[in-house]
Amino acid sequence: MKLFRLVPVLVICALLSFTSCSTENLNEEEALNTDLLTAPQAKPLEIEILEIINDYRITNGMNALSNNGTVKAVAYTHTDYMVEVSNVSHDNFYVRKQSLQQNENAQIVSENVAYGYTSANSVVNAWLNSPSHKSTIEGNFTDFDISAEQDEDGNWYFTNIFIKR
């Protein structure tokens, strides 16, 4: 009889353990749902990166891109996620893309990420020296923004998102 009463408790414990594992993967998605309206204030490093990219685009005959608070908020959620998991990645890109499609009417969404660079010039130069990242910088976009965050060891993580409305 005691075993019969223990089975439901074991089932509940098993379900809770599966649920806690699956929510770890939703942290960034949950952050997007709650933090979209609260883009952090731009850091000097972020402003410099945006200026370098726009200068590059203008010099090469492309339009300058507009800063966008929603794009910044979305970029921040991903940079914060990368810092948290100590890994530079495009994880959950589809979630960021869907959020920007819904909240900014984005038709096209692309992003560049980076890790470990210590200056605006170094991260932008690295992107420009990579054909796929350069293609994103030179893409047909209208808006962009960036998030740069440091981990506890002082290493920088970057998420630069571009959209076309």
Protein backbone atom coordinates (compact mmCIF):
# COMPACT_ATOMS: atom_id res chain seq x y z
CA MET A 1 0.00 0.00 0.00
CA LYS A 2 2.86 2.40 0.77
CA LEU A 3 4.34 1.79 -2.70
CA PHE A 4 0.98 2.65 -4.30
CA ARG A 5 1.02 6.05 -2.54
CA LEU A 6 4.64 6.67 -3.51
CA VAL A 7 4.06 6.21 -7.27
CA PRO A 8 2.22 9.54 -7.80
CA VAL A 9 4.95 11.38 -5.90
CA LEU A 10 7.61 9.77 -8.10
CA VAL A 11 5.66 10.68 -11.24
CA ILE A 12 5.39 14.31 -10.14
CA CYS A 13 9.11 14.42 -9.32
CA ALA A 14 9.95 12.96 -12.72
CA LEU A 15 7.76 15.51 -14.52
CA LEU A 16 9.29 18.40 -12.60
CA SER A 17 12.79 17.26 -13.44
CA PHE A 18 11.94 17.18 -17.18
CA THR A 19 10.30 20.57 -16.98
CA SER A 20 13.31 22.19 -15.33
CA CYS A 21 15.59 20.87 -18.07
CA SER A 22 13.42 22.21 -20.85
CA THR A 23 13.10 25.68 -19.33
CA GLU A 24 16.86 26.14 -19.42
CA ASN A 25 16.56 26.32 -23.20
CA LEU A 26 13.77 28.89 -23.01
CA ASN A 27 15.65 31.52 -20.98
CA GLU A 28 16.38 33.67 -24.01
CA GLU A 29 12.84 33.28 -25.37
CA GLU A 30 11.37 34.20 -22.00
CA ALA A 31 13.65 37.23 -21.83
CA LEU A 32 12.45 38.35 -25.25
CA ASN A 33 8.87 38.23 -24.09
CA THR A 34 9.51 40.38 -21.02
CA ASP A 35 12.42 42.68 -21.92
CA LEU A 36 11.54 44.00 -25.38
CA LEU A 37 10.60 47.42 -24.12
CA THR A 38 13.66 47.85 -21.92
CA ALA A 39 16.69 48.24 -24.16
CA PRO A 40 19.74 49.10 -22.08
CA GLN A 41 21.42 52.44 -22.65
CA ALA A 42 24.09 52.32 -25.37
CA LYS A 43 27.68 51.98 -24.22
CA PRO A 44 30.42 54.07 -25.90
CA LEU A 45 31.83 50.86 -27.42
CA GLU A 46 28.45 50.02 -28.99
CA ILE A 47 28.00 53.53 -30.38
CA GLU A 48 31.48 53.39 -31.90
CA ILE A 49 30.75 50.03 -33.58
CA LEU A 50 27.51 51.37 -35.09
CA GLU A 51 29.32 54.49 -36.33
CA ILE A 52 32.13 52.46 -37.92
CA ILE A 53 29.62 50.21 -39.69
CA ASN A 54 27.59 53.16 -40.97
CA ASP A 55 30.77 54.97 -42.10
CA TYR A 56 31.81 51.81 -43.96
CA ARG A 57 28.39 51.53 -45.61
CA ILE A 58 28.32 55.19 -46.66
CA THR A 59 31.90 55.07 -47.99
CA ASN A 60 30.92 52.07 -50.11
CA GLY A 61 27.77 53.67 -51.55
CA MET A 62 25.19 52.06 -49.24
CA ASN A 63 22.56 53.71 -47.06
CA ALA A 64 23.27 54.44 -43.42
CA LEU A 65 21.18 52.33 -41.05
CA SER A 66 18.97 53.69 -38.27
CA ASN A 67 19.42 52.63 -34.68
CA ASN A 68 16.42 50.75 -33.35
CA GLY A 69 15.59 50.27 -29.67
CA THR A 70 13.66 47.06 -30.22
CA VAL A 71 16.55 45.60 -32.21
CA LYS A 72 18.89 46.62 -29.38
CA ALA A 73 16.65 44.96 -26.79
CA VAL A 74 16.55 41.75 -28.83
CA ALA A 75 20.34 41.86 -29.36
CA TYR A 76 20.82 42.37 -25.63
CA THR A 77 18.79 39.28 -24.74
CA HIS A 78 21.06 37.19 -26.95
CA THR A 79 24.31 38.72 -25.71
CA ASP A 80 23.17 38.20 -22.13
CA TYR A 81 22.36 34.57 -23.01
CA MET A 82 25.82 34.04 -24.56
CA VAL A 83 27.49 35.47 -21.45
CA GLU A 84 25.36 33.23 -19.25
CA VAL A 85 26.25 30.04 -21.16
CA SER A 86 29.85 31.14 -21.90
CA ASN A 87 29.48 30.41 -25.60
CA VAL A 88 29.32 32.59 -28.69
CA SER A 89 26.54 31.31 -30.96
CA HIS A 90 23.48 31.97 -33.07
CA ASP A 91 21.37 29.79 -30.75
CA ASN A 92 17.65 30.62 -30.86
CA PHE A 93 18.04 32.93 -33.88
CA TYR A 94 14.57 31.96 -35.09
CA VAL A 95 13.10 33.35 -31.83
CA ARG A 96 14.84 36.70 -32.34
CA LYS A 97 13.76 36.77 -35.97
CA GLN A 98 10.12 36.06 -35.10
CA SER A 99 10.15 38.71 -32.39
CA LEU A 100 11.46 41.34 -34.80
CA GLN A 101 9.00 40.30 -37.48
CA GLN A 102 6.13 40.72 -35.02
CA ASN A 103 7.31 43.83 -33.20
CA GLU A 104 9.12 45.78 -35.93
CA ASN A 105 7.52 44.40 -39.10
CA ALA A 106 10.95 43.11 -40.16
CA GLN A 107 10.96 41.47 -43.56
CA ILE A 108 14.60 40.37 -43.34
CA VAL A 109 16.64 39.71 -40.19
CA SER A 110 20.33 38.86 -39.95
CA GLU A 111 22.96 38.98 -37.23
CA ASN A 112 26.67 38.94 -36.58
CA VAL A 113 28.04 37.69 -33.27
CA ALA A 114 31.56 37.83 -31.88
CA TYR A 115 33.58 37.14 -28.77
CA GLY A 116 36.79 38.38 -27.21
CA TYR A 117 37.49 41.55 -29.19
CA THR A 118 38.50 44.53 -27.09
CA SER A 119 37.81 47.47 -29.40
CA ALA A 120 35.20 48.61 -31.89
CA ASN A 121 37.72 48.58 -34.73
CA SER A 122 38.89 45.06 -33.97
CA VAL A 123 35.42 43.49 -33.95
CA VAL A 124 34.24 45.36 -37.07
CA ASN A 125 37.49 44.51 -38.91
CA ALA A 126 37.05 40.85 -38.00
CA TRP A 127 33.51 40.90 -39.42
CA LEU A 128 34.68 42.70 -42.57
CA ASN A 129 37.43 40.10 -43.08
CA SER A 130 34.87 37.28 -42.98
CA PRO A 131 32.86 36.95 -46.23
CA SER A 132 29.61 35.91 -44.51
CA HIS A 133 29.81 38.62 -41.83
CA LYS A 134 30.80 41.25 -44.40
CA SER A 135 27.80 40.24 -46.51
CA THR A 136 25.55 40.93 -43.53
CA ILE A 137 27.11 44.36 -42.95
CA GLU A 138 26.67 45.18 -46.66
CA GLY A 139 23.12 43.79 -46.81
CA ASN A 140 19.95 45.56 -47.87
CA PHE A 141 18.78 46.66 -44.42
CA THR A 142 17.06 49.70 -42.90
CA ASP A 143 17.78 49.37 -39.15
CA PHE A 144 20.33 47.83 -36.86
CA ASP A 145 21.66 47.85 -33.35
CA ILE A 146 24.17 46.08 -31.17
CA SER A 147 24.71 44.75 -27.70
CA ALA A 148 28.17 44.33 -26.19
CA GLU A 149 28.43 42.78 -22.74
CA GLN A 150 31.32 41.55 -20.63
CA ASP A 151 31.47 38.32 -18.68
CA GLU A 152 32.87 38.16 -15.15
CA ASP A 153 36.41 37.79 -16.56
CA GLY A 154 36.08 40.94 -18.68
CA ASN A 155 35.68 39.16 -22.03
CA TRP A 156 33.36 40.89 -24.49
CA TYR A 157 30.44 39.21 -26.28
CA PHE A 158 28.73 40.98 -29.21
CA THR A 159 25.39 40.61 -31.00
CA ASN A 160 24.81 42.92 -33.98
CA ILE A 161 21.34 42.53 -35.54
CA PHE A 162 20.23 44.00 -38.87
CA ILE A 163 16.64 44.24 -40.15
CA LYS A 164 14.85 45.44 -43.24
CA ARG A 165 11.36 46.81 -42.79
